[in-house]
PDB file of N, CA and C in Angstrom:
ATOM      1  N   UNK A   1      70.546  79.015  48.949  1.00  0.00           N
ATOM      2  CA  UNK A   1      69.802  77.920  49.543  1.00  0.00           C
ATOM      3  C   UNK A   1      69.869  78.049  51.065  1.00  0.00           C
ATOM      4  N   UNK A   2      68.717  78.002  51.704  1.00  0.00           N
ATOM      5  CA  UNK A   2      68.669  78.049  53.166  1.00  0.00           C
ATOM      6  C   UNK A   2      69.266  76.759  53.724  1.00  0.00           C
ATOM      7  N   UNK A   3      69.924  76.866  54.839  1.00  0.00           N
ATOM      8  CA  UNK A   3      70.538  75.675  55.429  1.00  0.00           C
ATOM      9  C   UNK A   3      69.814  75.191  56.674  1.00  0.00           C
ATOM     10  N   UNK A   4      68.742  75.883  57.074  1.00  0.00           N
ATOM     11  CA  UNK A   4      67.924  75.433  58.202  1.00  0.00           C
ATOM     12  C   UNK A   4      66.447  75.642  57.891  1.00  0.00           C
ATOM     13  N   UNK A   5      65.628  74.877  58.591  1.00  0.00           N
ATOM     14  CA  UNK A   5      64.182  75.103  58.615  1.00  0.00           C
ATOM     15  C   UNK A   5      63.897  75.678  59.991  1.00  0.00           C
ATOM     16  N   UNK A   6      63.261  76.837  60.036  1.00  0.00           N
ATOM     17  CA  UNK A   6      63.079  77.584  61.279  1.00  0.00           C
ATOM     18  C   UNK A   6      61.607  77.740  61.628  1.00  0.00           C
ATOM     19  N   UNK A   7      61.366  77.779  62.935  1.00  0.00           N
ATOM     20  CA  UNK A   7      60.022  78.000  63.433  1.00  0.00           C
ATOM     21  C   UNK A   7      60.100  78.737  64.764  1.00  0.00           C
ATOM     22  N   UNK A   8      59.269  79.745  64.922  1.00  0.00           N
ATOM     23  CA  UNK A   8      59.149  80.430  66.209  1.00  0.00           C
ATOM     24  C   UNK A   8      58.021  79.780  66.986  1.00  0.00           C
ATOM     25  N   UNK A   9      58.337  79.318  68.174  1.00  0.00           N
ATOM     26  CA  UNK A   9      57.320  78.810  69.086  1.00  0.00           C
ATOM     27  C   UNK A   9      56.971  79.978  70.013  1.00  0.00           C
ATOM     28  N   UNK A  10      55.946  80.721  69.613  1.00  0.00           N
ATOM     29  CA  UNK A  10      55.585  81.959  70.300  1.00  0.00           C
ATOM     30  C   UNK A  10      55.171  81.693  71.741  1.00  0.00           C
ATOM     31  N   UNK A  11      55.604  82.593  72.612  1.00  0.00           N
ATOM     32  CA  UNK A  11      55.235  82.547  74.030  1.00  0.00           C
ATOM     33  C   UNK A  11      55.554  81.199  74.677  1.00  0.00           C
ATOM     34  N   UNK A  12      56.634  80.571  74.233  1.00  0.00           N
ATOM     35  CA  UNK A  12      57.040  79.274  74.761  1.00  0.00           C
ATOM     36  C   UNK A  12      58.476  79.373  75.259  1.00  0.00           C
ATOM     37  N   UNK A  13      58.692  79.010  76.507  1.00  0.00           N
ATOM     38  CA  UNK A  13      60.039  79.001  77.059  1.00  0.00           C
ATOM     39  C   UNK A  13      60.857  77.868  76.463  1.00  0.00           C
ATOM     40  N   UNK A  14      62.173  77.980  76.577  1.00  0.00           N
ATOM     41  CA  UNK A  14      63.059  77.008  75.944  1.00  0.00           C
ATOM     42  C   UNK A  14      62.869  75.593  76.501  1.00  0.00           C
ATOM     43  N   UNK A  15      62.595  75.453  77.787  1.00  0.00           N
ATOM     44  CA  UNK A  15      62.418  74.118  78.360  1.00  0.00           C
ATOM     45  C   UNK A  15      61.151  73.450  77.826  1.00  0.00           C
ATOM     46  N   UNK A  16      60.057  74.210  77.751  1.00  0.00           N
ATOM     47  CA  UNK A  16      58.822  73.658  77.194  1.00  0.00           C
ATOM     48  C   UNK A  16      58.997  73.351  75.706  1.00  0.00           C
ATOM     49  N   UNK A  17      59.669  74.249  74.990  1.00  0.00           N
ATOM     50  CA  UNK A  17      59.920  74.025  73.563  1.00  0.00           C
ATOM     51  C   UNK A  17      60.755  72.763  73.364  1.00  0.00           C
ATOM     52  N   UNK A  18      61.763  72.584  74.204  1.00  0.00           N
ATOM     53  CA  UNK A  18      62.614  71.398  74.086  1.00  0.00           C
ATOM     54  C   UNK A  18      61.810  70.117  74.280  1.00  0.00           C
ATOM     55  N   UNK A  19      60.945  70.098  75.272  1.00  0.00           N
ATOM     56  CA  UNK A  19      60.128  68.904  75.518  1.00  0.00           C
ATOM     57  C   UNK A  19      59.248  68.604  74.311  1.00  0.00           C
ATOM     58  N   UNK A  20      58.653  69.639  73.727  1.00  0.00           N
ATOM     59  CA  UNK A  20      57.788  69.434  72.564  1.00  0.00           C
ATOM     60  C   UNK A  20      58.587  68.984  71.347  1.00  0.00           C
ATOM     61  N   UNK A  21      59.767  69.561  71.152  1.00  0.00           N
ATOM     62  CA  UNK A  21      60.606  69.180  70.016  1.00  0.00           C
ATOM     63  C   UNK A  21      61.083  67.742  70.169  1.00  0.00           C
ATOM     64  N   UNK A  22      61.528  67.378  71.355  1.00  0.00           N
ATOM     65  CA  UNK A  22      61.966  65.998  71.590  1.00  0.00           C
ATOM     66  C   UNK A  22      60.831  65.010  71.295  1.00  0.00           C
ATOM     67  N   UNK A  23      59.632  65.322  71.740  1.00  0.00           N
ATOM     68  CA  UNK A  23      58.488  64.437  71.499  1.00  0.00           C
ATOM     69  C   UNK A  23      58.187  64.333  70.004  1.00  0.00           C
ATOM     70  N   UNK A  24      58.228  65.456  69.309  1.00  0.00           N
ATOM     71  CA  UNK A  24      57.953  65.448  67.868  1.00  0.00           C
ATOM     72  C   UNK A  24      59.037  64.694  67.104  1.00  0.00           C
ATOM     73  N   UNK A  25      60.287  64.859  67.519  1.00  0.00           N
ATOM     74  CA  UNK A  25      61.370  64.102  66.892  1.00  0.00           C
ATOM     75  C   UNK A  25      61.177  62.601  67.114  1.00  0.00           C
ATOM     76  N   UNK A  26      60.830  62.231  68.323  1.00  0.00           N
ATOM     77  CA  UNK A  26      60.604  60.807  68.622  1.00  0.00           C
ATOM     78  C   UNK A  26      59.457  60.252  67.787  1.00  0.00           C
ATOM     79  N   UNK A  27      58.389  61.021  67.646  1.00  0.00           N
ATOM     80  CA  UNK A  27      57.257  60.589  66.827  1.00  0.00           C
ATOM     81  C   UNK A  27      57.662  60.383  65.374  1.00  0.00           C
ATOM     82  N   UNK A  28      58.675  61.123  64.920  1.00  0.00           N
ATOM     83  CA  UNK A  28      59.160  61.019  63.536  1.00  0.00           C
ATOM     84  C   UNK A  28      60.264  59.971  63.388  1.00  0.00           C
ATOM     85  N   UNK A  29      60.573  59.258  64.464  1.00  0.00           N
ATOM     86  CA  UNK A  29      61.569  58.199  64.398  1.00  0.00           C
ATOM     87  C   UNK A  29      62.988  58.626  64.707  1.00  0.00           C
ATOM     88  N   UNK A  30      63.163  59.827  65.238  1.00  0.00           N
ATOM     89  CA  UNK A  30      64.483  60.328  65.596  1.00  0.00           C
ATOM     90  C   UNK A  30      64.737  60.135  67.082  1.00  0.00           C
ATOM     91  N   UNK A  31      65.976  59.830  67.411  1.00  0.00           N
ATOM     92  CA  UNK A  31      66.431  59.854  68.788  1.00  0.00           C
ATOM     93  C   UNK A  31      67.398  61.017  68.942  1.00  0.00           C
ATOM     94  N   UNK A  32      67.531  61.503  70.143  1.00  0.00           N
ATOM     95  CA  UNK A  32      68.505  62.559  70.408  1.00  0.00           C
ATOM     96  C   UNK A  32      69.756  61.895  70.968  1.00  0.00           C
ATOM     97  N   UNK A  33      70.833  61.904  70.174  1.00  0.00           N
ATOM     98  CA  UNK A  33      72.089  61.266  70.551  1.00  0.00           C
ATOM     99  C   UNK A  33      72.978  62.172  71.379  1.00  0.00           C
ATOM    100  N   UNK A  34      72.899  63.471  71.093  1.00  0.00           N
ATOM    101  CA  UNK A  34      73.747  64.428  71.800  1.00  0.00           C
ATOM    102  C   UNK A  34      72.921  65.638  72.191  1.00  0.00           C
ATOM    103  N   UNK A  35      73.342  66.291  73.240  1.00  0.00           N
ATOM    104  CA  UNK A  35      72.724  67.554  73.623  1.00  0.00           C
ATOM    105  C   UNK A  35      73.780  68.440  74.235  1.00  0.00           C
ATOM    106  N   UNK A  36      73.746  69.690  73.841  1.00  0.00           N
ATOM    107  CA  UNK A  36      74.708  70.663  74.345  1.00  0.00           C
ATOM    108  C   UNK A  36      73.931  71.878  74.835  1.00  0.00           C
ATOM    109  N   UNK A  37      74.110  72.221  76.094  1.00  0.00           N
ATOM    110  CA  UNK A  37      73.549  73.451  76.643  1.00  0.00           C
ATOM    111  C   UNK A  37      74.603  74.533  76.416  1.00  0.00           C
ATOM    112  N   UNK A  38      74.473  75.237  75.307  1.00  0.00           N
ATOM    113  CA  UNK A  38      75.483  76.222  74.916  1.00  0.00           C
ATOM    114  C   UNK A  38      75.554  77.347  75.939  1.00  0.00           C
ATOM    115  N   UNK A  39      74.424  77.778  76.449  1.00  0.00           N
ATOM    116  CA  UNK A  39      74.394  78.845  77.458  1.00  0.00           C
ATOM    117  C   UNK A  39      75.248  78.458  78.671  1.00  0.00           C
ATOM    118  N   UNK A  40      75.034  77.258  79.200  1.00  0.00           N
ATOM    119  CA  UNK A  40      75.787  76.802  80.372  1.00  0.00           C
ATOM    120  C   UNK A  40      77.262  76.617  80.039  1.00  0.00           C
ATOM    121  N   UNK A  41      77.545  76.112  78.852  1.00  0.00           N
ATOM    122  CA  UNK A  41      78.933  75.885  78.449  1.00  0.00           C
ATOM    123  C   UNK A  41      79.692  77.196  78.323  1.00  0.00           C
ATOM    124  N   UNK A  42      79.084  78.208  77.718  1.00  0.00           N
ATOM    125  CA  UNK A  42      79.750  79.505  77.571  1.00  0.00           C
ATOM    126  C   UNK A  42      80.014  80.145  78.928  1.00  0.00           C
ATOM    127  N   UNK A  43      79.064  79.997  79.834  1.00  0.00           N
ATOM    128  CA  UNK A  43      79.254  80.551  81.171  1.00  0.00           C
ATOM    129  C   UNK A  43      80.412  79.838  81.876  1.00  0.00           C
ATOM    130  N   UNK A  44      80.427  78.514  81.796  1.00  0.00           N
ATOM    131  CA  UNK A  44      81.448  77.734  82.487  1.00  0.00           C
ATOM    132  C   UNK A  44      82.837  77.932  81.878  1.00  0.00           C
ATOM    133  N   UNK A  45      82.915  77.929  80.549  1.00  0.00           N
ATOM    134  CA  UNK A  45      84.224  77.941  79.880  1.00  0.00           C
ATOM    135  C   UNK A  45      84.834  79.336  79.739  1.00  0.00           C
ATOM    136  N   UNK A  46      83.993  80.338  79.452  1.00  0.00           N
ATOM    137  CA  UNK A  46      84.557  81.675  79.208  1.00  0.00           C
ATOM    138  C   UNK A  46      83.849  82.772  80.001  1.00  0.00           C
ATOM    139  N   UNK A  47      83.021  82.368  80.968  1.00  0.00           N
ATOM    140  CA  UNK A  47      82.315  83.303  81.847  1.00  0.00           C
ATOM    141  C   UNK A  47      81.526  84.354  81.069  1.00  0.00           C
ATOM    142  N   UNK A  48      80.860  83.914  80.005  1.00  0.00           N
ATOM    143  CA  UNK A  48      80.015  84.809  79.206  1.00  0.00           C
ATOM    144  C   UNK A  48      78.558  84.402  79.387  1.00  0.00           C
ATOM    145  N   UNK A  49      77.697  85.415  79.509  1.00  0.00           N
ATOM    146  CA  UNK A  49      76.266  85.192  79.647  1.00  0.00           C
ATOM    147  C   UNK A  49      75.593  85.331  78.288  1.00  0.00           C
ATOM    148  N   UNK A  50      74.639  84.463  78.044  1.00  0.00           N
ATOM    149  CA  UNK A  50      73.859  84.550  76.817  1.00  0.00           C
ATOM    150  C   UNK A  50      72.464  84.007  77.090  1.00  0.00           C
ATOM    151  N   UNK A  51      71.556  84.300  76.179  1.00  0.00           N
ATOM    152  CA  UNK A  51      70.206  83.760  76.288  1.00  0.00           C
ATOM    153  C   UNK A  51      70.250  82.255  76.067  1.00  0.00           C
ATOM    154  N   UNK A  52      69.167  81.574  76.424  1.00  0.00           N
ATOM    155  CA  UNK A  52      69.088  80.135  76.281  1.00  0.00           C
ATOM    156  C   UNK A  52      69.404  79.685  74.864  1.00  0.00           C
ATOM    157  N   UNK A  53      70.222  78.639  74.773  1.00  0.00           N
ATOM    158  CA  UNK A  53      70.649  78.120  73.468  1.00  0.00           C
ATOM    159  C   UNK A  53      71.055  76.667  73.674  1.00  0.00           C
ATOM    160  N   UNK A  54      70.332  75.760  73.034  1.00  0.00           N
ATOM    161  CA  UNK A  54      70.623  74.334  73.161  1.00  0.00           C
ATOM    162  C   UNK A  54      70.742  73.719  71.771  1.00  0.00           C
ATOM    163  N   UNK A  55      71.618  72.735  71.660  1.00  0.00           N
ATOM    164  CA  UNK A  55      71.782  71.989  70.417  1.00  0.00           C
ATOM    165  C   UNK A  55      71.444  70.531  70.699  1.00  0.00           C
ATOM    166  N   UNK A  56      70.498  69.992  69.932  1.00  0.00           N
ATOM    167  CA  UNK A  56      70.135  68.582  70.028  1.00  0.00           C
ATOM    168  C   UNK A  56      70.632  67.883  68.765  1.00  0.00           C
ATOM    169  N   UNK A  57      71.363  66.808  68.925  1.00  0.00           N
ATOM    170  CA  UNK A  57      71.833  66.014  67.791  1.00  0.00           C
ATOM    171  C   UNK A  57      70.865  64.875  67.543  1.00  0.00           C
ATOM    172  N   UNK A  58      70.026  65.027  66.518  1.00  0.00           N
ATOM    173  CA  UNK A  58      68.964  64.061  66.232  1.00  0.00           C
ATOM    174  C   UNK A  58      69.396  63.064  65.166  1.00  0.00           C
ATOM    175  N   UNK A  59      68.986  61.817  65.349  1.00  0.00           N
ATOM    176  CA  UNK A  59      69.344  60.771  64.393  1.00  0.00           C
ATOM    177  C   UNK A  59      68.174  59.810  64.210  1.00  0.00           C
ATOM    178  N   UNK A  60      67.867  59.537  62.953  1.00  0.00           N
ATOM    179  CA  UNK A  60      66.923  58.483  62.620  1.00  0.00           C
ATOM    180  C   UNK A  60      67.777  57.292  62.210  1.00  0.00           C
ATOM    181  N   UNK A  61      67.813  56.231  63.007  1.00  0.00           N
ATOM    182  CA  UNK A  61      68.743  55.139  62.742  1.00  0.00           C
ATOM    183  C   UNK A  61      68.592  54.507  61.361  1.00  0.00           C
ATOM    184  N   UNK A  62      67.369  54.353  60.884  1.00  0.00           N
ATOM    185  CA  UNK A  62      67.175  53.752  59.567  1.00  0.00           C
ATOM    186  C   UNK A  62      67.766  54.619  58.463  1.00  0.00           C
ATOM    187  N   UNK A  63      67.554  55.911  58.566  1.00  0.00           N
ATOM    188  CA  UNK A  63      68.073  56.823  57.544  1.00  0.00           C
ATOM    189  C   UNK A  63      69.598  56.930  57.651  1.00  0.00           C
ATOM    190  N   UNK A  64      70.117  56.927  58.873  1.00  0.00           N
ATOM    191  CA  UNK A  64      71.575  56.968  59.056  1.00  0.00           C
ATOM    192  C   UNK A  64      72.207  55.711  58.475  1.00  0.00           C
ATOM    193  N   UNK A  65      71.589  54.556  58.700  1.00  0.00           N
ATOM    194  CA  UNK A  65      72.092  53.291  58.159  1.00  0.00           C
ATOM    195  C   UNK A  65      72.166  53.358  56.635  1.00  0.00           C
ATOM    196  N   UNK A  66      71.104  53.883  56.039  1.00  0.00           N
ATOM    197  CA  UNK A  66      71.064  53.995  54.582  1.00  0.00           C
ATOM    198  C   UNK A  66      72.145  54.958  54.086  1.00  0.00           C
ATOM    199  N   UNK A  67      72.282  56.102  54.741  1.00  0.00           N
ATOM    200  CA  UNK A  67      73.273  57.099  54.327  1.00  0.00           C
ATOM    201  C   UNK A  67      74.694  56.555  54.463  1.00  0.00           C
ATOM    202  N   UNK A  68      74.986  55.876  55.563  1.00  0.00           N
ATOM    203  CA  UNK A  68      76.326  55.328  55.770  1.00  0.00           C
ATOM    204  C   UNK A  68      76.617  54.225  54.754  1.00  0.00           C
ATOM    205  N   UNK A  69      75.597  53.463  54.395  1.00  0.00           N
ATOM    206  CA  UNK A  69      75.770  52.445  53.369  1.00  0.00           C
ATOM    207  C   UNK A  69      76.106  53.046  52.002  1.00  0.00           C
ATOM    208  N   UNK A  70      75.568  54.223  51.733  1.00  0.00           N
ATOM    209  CA  UNK A  70      75.827  54.892  50.463  1.00  0.00           C
ATOM    210  C   UNK A  70      77.150  55.647  50.458  1.00  0.00           C
ATOM    211  N   UNK A  71      77.533  56.129  51.625  1.00  0.00           N
ATOM    212  CA  UNK A  71      78.717  56.995  51.734  1.00  0.00           C
ATOM    213  C   UNK A  71      79.322  56.780  53.121  1.00  0.00           C
ATOM    214  N   UNK A  72      80.258  55.832  53.254  1.00  0.00           N
ATOM    215  CA  UNK A  72      80.750  55.433  54.576  1.00  0.00           C
ATOM    216  C   UNK A  72      81.305  56.559  55.452  1.00  0.00           C
ATOM    217  N   UNK A  73      81.838  57.612  54.879  1.00  0.00           N
ATOM    218  CA  UNK A  73      82.393  58.708  55.695  1.00  0.00           C
ATOM    219  C   UNK A  73      81.355  59.770  56.056  1.00  0.00           C
ATOM    220  N   UNK A  74      80.109  59.552  55.673  1.00  0.00           N
ATOM    221  CA  UNK A  74      79.084  60.572  55.918  1.00  0.00           C
ATOM    222  C   UNK A  74      78.830  60.780  57.410  1.00  0.00           C
ATOM    223  N   UNK A  75      79.264  59.830  58.229  1.00  0.00           N
ATOM    224  CA  UNK A  75      79.122  59.992  59.675  1.00  0.00           C
ATOM    225  C   UNK A  75      79.787  61.252  60.194  1.00  0.00           C
ATOM    226  N   UNK A  76      80.737  61.788  59.447  1.00  0.00           N
ATOM    227  CA  UNK A  76      81.356  63.054  59.839  1.00  0.00           C
ATOM    228  C   UNK A  76      80.342  64.199  59.825  1.00  0.00           C
ATOM    229  N   UNK A  77      79.208  64.005  59.138  1.00  0.00           N
ATOM    230  CA  UNK A  77      78.185  65.047  59.035  1.00  0.00           C
ATOM    231  C   UNK A  77      76.932  64.699  59.835  1.00  0.00           C
ATOM    232  N   UNK A  78      77.017  63.662  60.640  1.00  0.00           N
ATOM    233  CA  UNK A  78      75.876  63.250  61.444  1.00  0.00           C
ATOM    234  C   UNK A  78      76.159  63.530  62.914  1.00  0.00           C
ATOM    235  N   UNK A  79      75.184  63.674  63.784  1.00  0.00           N
ATOM    236  CA  UNK A  79      73.764  63.632  63.524  1.00  0.00           C
ATOM    237  C   UNK A  79      73.264  64.968  62.971  1.00  0.00           C
ATOM    238  N   UNK A  80      71.960  65.044  62.756  1.00  0.00           N
ATOM    239  CA  UNK A  80      71.330  66.286  62.282  1.00  0.00           C
ATOM    240  C   UNK A  80      71.073  67.181  63.495  1.00  0.00           C
ATOM    241  N   UNK A  81      71.647  68.358  63.480  1.00  0.00           N
ATOM    242  CA  UNK A  81      71.468  69.256  64.619  1.00  0.00           C
ATOM    243  C   UNK A  81      70.165  70.036  64.537  1.00  0.00           C
ATOM    244  N   UNK A  82      69.539  70.157  65.697  1.00  0.00           N
ATOM    245  CA  UNK A  82      68.347  70.977  65.879  1.00  0.00           C
ATOM    246  C   UNK A  82      68.687  71.929  67.013  1.00  0.00           C
ATOM    247  N   UNK A  83      68.551  73.230  66.774  1.00  0.00           N
ATOM    248  CA  UNK A  83      68.851  74.181  67.844  1.00  0.00           C
ATOM    249  C   UNK A  83      67.568  74.807  68.373  1.00  0.00           C
ATOM    250  N   UNK A  84      67.617  75.141  69.642  1.00  0.00           N
ATOM    251  CA  UNK A  84      66.560  75.886  70.303  1.00  0.00           C
ATOM    252  C   UNK A  84      67.224  77.105  70.913  1.00  0.00           C
ATOM    253  N   UNK A  85      66.681  78.275  70.625  1.00  0.00           N
ATOM    254  CA  UNK A  85      67.273  79.470  71.218  1.00  0.00           C
ATOM    255  C   UNK A  85      66.198  80.444  71.653  1.00  0.00           C
ATOM    256  N   UNK A  86      66.434  81.002  72.830  1.00  0.00           N
ATOM    257  CA  UNK A  86      65.505  81.979  73.371  1.00  0.00           C
ATOM    258  C   UNK A  86      65.597  83.264  72.559  1.00  0.00           C
ATOM    259  N   UNK A  87      64.450  83.740  72.103  1.00  0.00           N
ATOM    260  CA  UNK A  87      64.368  84.990  71.352  1.00  0.00           C
ATOM    261  C   UNK A  87      63.205  85.795  71.905  1.00  0.00           C
ATOM    262  N   UNK A  88      63.138  87.064  71.549  1.00  0.00           N
ATOM    263  CA  UNK A  88      61.989  87.869  71.953  1.00  0.00           C
ATOM    264  C   UNK A  88      60.719  87.206  71.439  1.00  0.00           C
ATOM    265  N   UNK A  89      59.794  86.961  72.326  1.00  0.00           N
ATOM    266  CA  UNK A  89      58.512  86.392  71.934  1.00  0.00           C
ATOM    267  C   UNK A  89      58.417  84.888  72.025  1.00  0.00           C
ATOM    268  N   UNK A  90      59.503  84.198  72.429  1.00  0.00           N
ATOM    269  CA  UNK A  90      59.403  82.751  72.552  1.00  0.00           C
ATOM    270  C   UNK A  90      60.719  82.041  72.324  1.00  0.00           C
ATOM    271  N   UNK A  91      60.639  80.900  71.658  1.00  0.00           N
ATOM    272  CA  UNK A  91      61.815  80.087  71.357  1.00  0.00           C
ATOM    273  C   UNK A  91      61.837  79.804  69.864  1.00  0.00           C
ATOM    274  N   UNK A  92      62.978  80.055  69.243  1.00  0.00           N
ATOM    275  CA  UNK A  92      63.143  79.703  67.842  1.00  0.00           C
ATOM    276  C   UNK A  92      63.757  78.317  67.756  1.00  0.00           C
ATOM    277  N   UNK A  93      63.181  77.478  66.910  1.00  0.00           N
ATOM    278  CA  UNK A  93      63.691  76.139  66.649  1.00  0.00           C
ATOM    279  C   UNK A  93      64.210  76.126  65.217  1.00  0.00           C
ATOM    280  N   UNK A  94      65.428  75.634  65.040  1.00  0.00           N
ATOM    281  CA  UNK A  94      66.027  75.546  63.710  1.00  0.00           C
ATOM    282  C   UNK A  94      66.615  74.148  63.533  1.00  0.00           C
ATOM    283  N   UNK A  95      66.224  73.487  62.456  1.00  0.00           N
ATOM    284  CA  UNK A  95      66.761  72.165  62.134  1.00  0.00           C
ATOM    285  C   UNK A  95      67.606  72.288  60.877  1.00  0.00           C
ATOM    286  N   UNK A  96      68.751  71.627  60.881  1.00  0.00           N
ATOM    287  CA  UNK A  96      69.617  71.617  59.716  1.00  0.00           C
ATOM    288  C   UNK A  96      68.863  71.038  58.513  1.00  0.00           C
ATOM    289  N   UNK A  97      69.168  71.547  57.350  1.00  0.00           N
ATOM    290  CA  UNK A  97      68.664  70.949  56.113  1.00  0.00           C
ATOM    291  C   UNK A  97      69.755  70.027  55.595  1.00  0.00           C
ATOM    292  N   UNK A  98      69.622  68.711  55.804  1.00  0.00           N
ATOM    293  CA  UNK A  98      70.683  67.805  55.377  1.00  0.00           C
ATOM    294  C   UNK A  98      70.919  67.843  53.874  1.00  0.00           C
ATOM    295  N   UNK A  99      69.900  68.161  53.102  1.00  0.00           N
ATOM    296  CA  UNK A  99      70.088  68.254  51.651  1.00  0.00           C
ATOM    297  C   UNK A  99      71.043  69.386  51.315  1.00  0.00           C
ATOM    298  N   UNK A 100      70.936  70.493  52.037  1.00  0.00           N
ATOM    299  CA  UNK A 100      71.842  71.611  51.812  1.00  0.00           C
ATOM    300  C   UNK A 100      73.240  71.292  52.306  1.00  0.00           C
ATOM    301  N   UNK A 101      73.331  70.663  53.471  1.00  0.00           N
ATOM    302  CA  UNK A 101      74.657  70.420  54.044  1.00  0.00           C
ATOM    303  C   UNK A 101      75.433  69.350  53.295  1.00  0.00           C
ATOM    304  N   UNK A 102      74.747  68.496  52.563  1.00  0.00           N
ATOM    305  CA  UNK A 102      75.437  67.411  51.859  1.00  0.00           C
ATOM    306  C   UNK A 102      75.662  67.692  50.379  1.00  0.00           C
ATOM    307  N   UNK A 103      75.480  68.928  49.965  1.00  0.00           N
ATOM    308  CA  UNK A 103      75.712  69.284  48.566  1.00  0.00           C
ATOM    309  C   UNK A 103      77.159  69.062  48.143  1.00  0.00           C
ATOM    310  N   UNK A 104      78.063  69.112  49.095  1.00  0.00           N
ATOM    311  CA  UNK A 104      79.485  68.927  48.771  1.00  0.00           C
ATOM    312  C   UNK A 104      79.814  67.477  48.417  1.00  0.00           C
ATOM    313  N   UNK A 105      78.907  66.559  48.740  1.00  0.00           N
ATOM    314  CA  UNK A 105      79.143  65.137  48.482  1.00  0.00           C
ATOM    315  C   UNK A 105      78.540  64.791  47.121  1.00  0.00           C
ATOM    316  N   UNK A 106      79.365  64.271  46.229  1.00  0.00           N
ATOM    317  CA  UNK A 106      78.925  63.932  44.878  1.00  0.00           C
ATOM    318  C   UNK A 106      78.330  62.521  44.870  1.00  0.00           C
ATOM    319  N   UNK A 107      77.053  62.427  45.309  1.00  0.00           N
ATOM    320  CA  UNK A 107      76.396  61.130  45.379  1.00  0.00           C
ATOM    321  C   UNK A 107      74.885  61.377  45.287  1.00  0.00           C
ATOM    322  N   UNK A 108      74.314  61.162  44.122  1.00  0.00           N
ATOM    323  CA  UNK A 108      72.900  61.453  43.886  1.00  0.00           C
ATOM    324  C   UNK A 108      71.989  60.641  44.799  1.00  0.00           C
ATOM    325  N   UNK A 109      72.348  59.387  45.066  1.00  0.00           N
ATOM    326  CA  UNK A 109      71.516  58.558  45.948  1.00  0.00           C
ATOM    327  C   UNK A 109      71.512  59.115  47.366  1.00  0.00           C
ATOM    328  N   UNK A 110      72.660  59.593  47.820  1.00  0.00           N
ATOM    329  CA  UNK A 110      72.741  60.210  49.141  1.00  0.00           C
ATOM    330  C   UNK A 110      71.873  61.466  49.191  1.00  0.00           C
ATOM    331  N   UNK A 111      71.865  62.236  48.127  1.00  0.00           N
ATOM    332  CA  UNK A 111      71.041  63.451  48.092  1.00  0.00           C
ATOM    333  C   UNK A 111      69.560  63.115  48.238  1.00  0.00           C
ATOM    334  N   UNK A 112      69.131  61.982  47.669  1.00  0.00           N
ATOM    335  CA  UNK A 112      67.735  61.559  47.827  1.00  0.00           C
ATOM    336  C   UNK A 112      67.436  61.250  49.295  1.00  0.00           C
ATOM    337  N   UNK A 113      68.340  60.539  49.941  1.00  0.00           N
ATOM    338  CA  UNK A 113      68.162  60.222  51.359  1.00  0.00           C
ATOM    339  C   UNK A 113      68.135  61.511  52.182  1.00  0.00           C
ATOM    340  N   UNK A 114      69.049  62.416  51.884  1.00  0.00           N
ATOM    341  CA  UNK A 114      69.104  63.689  52.620  1.00  0.00           C
ATOM    342  C   UNK A 114      67.802  64.468  52.453  1.00  0.00           C
ATOM    343  N   UNK A 115      67.218  64.431  51.269  1.00  0.00           N
ATOM    344  CA  UNK A 115      65.933  65.102  51.045  1.00  0.00           C
ATOM    345  C   UNK A 115      64.822  64.480  51.872  1.00  0.00           C
ATOM    346  N   UNK A 116      64.833  63.159  51.987  1.00  0.00           N
ATOM    347  CA  UNK A 116      63.834  62.485  52.818  1.00  0.00           C
ATOM    348  C   UNK A 116      64.002  62.873  54.284  1.00  0.00           C
ATOM    349  N   UNK A 117      65.240  62.913  54.748  1.00  0.00           N
ATOM    350  CA  UNK A 117      65.501  63.291  56.143  1.00  0.00           C
ATOM    351  C   UNK A 117      65.070  64.734  56.378  1.00  0.00           C
ATOM    352  N   UNK A 118      65.382  65.623  55.415  1.00  0.00           N
ATOM    353  CA  UNK A 118      64.949  67.021  55.540  1.00  0.00           C
ATOM    354  C   UNK A 118      63.442  67.090  55.720  1.00  0.00           C
ATOM    355  N   UNK A 119      62.698  66.381  54.888  1.00  0.00           N
ATOM    356  CA  UNK A 119      61.241  66.418  54.977  1.00  0.00           C
ATOM    357  C   UNK A 119      60.750  65.903  56.333  1.00  0.00           C
ATOM    358  N   UNK A 120      61.401  64.875  56.846  1.00  0.00           N
ATOM    359  CA  UNK A 120      61.033  64.330  58.154  1.00  0.00           C
ATOM    360  C   UNK A 120      61.311  65.343  59.267  1.00  0.00           C
ATOM    361  N   UNK A 121      62.442  66.016  59.180  1.00  0.00           N
ATOM    362  CA  UNK A 121      62.786  67.027  60.187  1.00  0.00           C
ATOM    363  C   UNK A 121      61.823  68.212  60.122  1.00  0.00           C
ATOM    364  N   UNK A 122      61.489  68.644  58.921  1.00  0.00           N
ATOM    365  CA  UNK A 122      60.544  69.768  58.759  1.00  0.00           C
ATOM    366  C   UNK A 122      59.206  69.412  59.402  1.00  0.00           C
ATOM    367  N   UNK A 123      58.725  68.224  59.130  1.00  0.00           N
ATOM    368  CA  UNK A 123      57.431  67.813  59.721  1.00  0.00           C
ATOM    369  C   UNK A 123      57.532  67.779  61.237  1.00  0.00           C
ATOM    370  N   UNK A 124      58.645  67.294  61.767  1.00  0.00           N
ATOM    371  CA  UNK A 124      58.796  67.217  63.226  1.00  0.00           C
ATOM    372  C   UNK A 124      58.841  68.616  63.847  1.00  0.00           C
ATOM    373  N   UNK A 125      59.619  69.510  63.257  1.00  0.00           N
ATOM    374  CA  UNK A 125      59.708  70.878  63.794  1.00  0.00           C
ATOM    375  C   UNK A 125      58.338  71.559  63.733  1.00  0.00           C
ATOM    376  N   UNK A 126      57.650  71.389  62.615  1.00  0.00           N
ATOM    377  CA  UNK A 126      56.335  72.013  62.474  1.00  0.00           C
ATOM    378  C   UNK A 126      55.301  71.423  63.418  1.00  0.00           C
ATOM    379  N   UNK A 127      55.466  70.147  63.774  1.00  0.00           N
ATOM    380  CA  UNK A 127      54.502  69.480  64.663  1.00  0.00           C
ATOM    381  C   UNK A 127      54.740  69.805  66.131  1.00  0.00           C
ATOM    382  N   UNK A 128      55.928  70.251  66.467  1.00  0.00           N
ATOM    383  CA  UNK A 128      56.285  70.482  67.880  1.00  0.00           C
ATOM    384  C   UNK A 128      55.421  71.584  68.507  1.00  0.00           C
TER     385      UNK A 128
END
């Protein structure tokens, strides 16, 4: 089972891709709670250079509320990460598949919610 939904944004730099992804996530009801510039962090912490790589922690509050109501400790697996990374030919966007990541949790109702969130993330990534 794949654990991410991936899309290449051809001929698009990481900053432009990020703006489009953020807008598409917002249109789908997600907010970005966290952001990590992995490239800058690696340079600062261990003096290593790498291509552009950012992690956005996306959350749809209504879906998170429902998931936490079904499984109070599920917050350990939130938010849903979306990565942007510079690759040859553009920027690759990858969103976690919450249905795949929550397979370890024995809760059928939670799996339904995770499937809905996955579908919302796929639509947002594809729309960006």
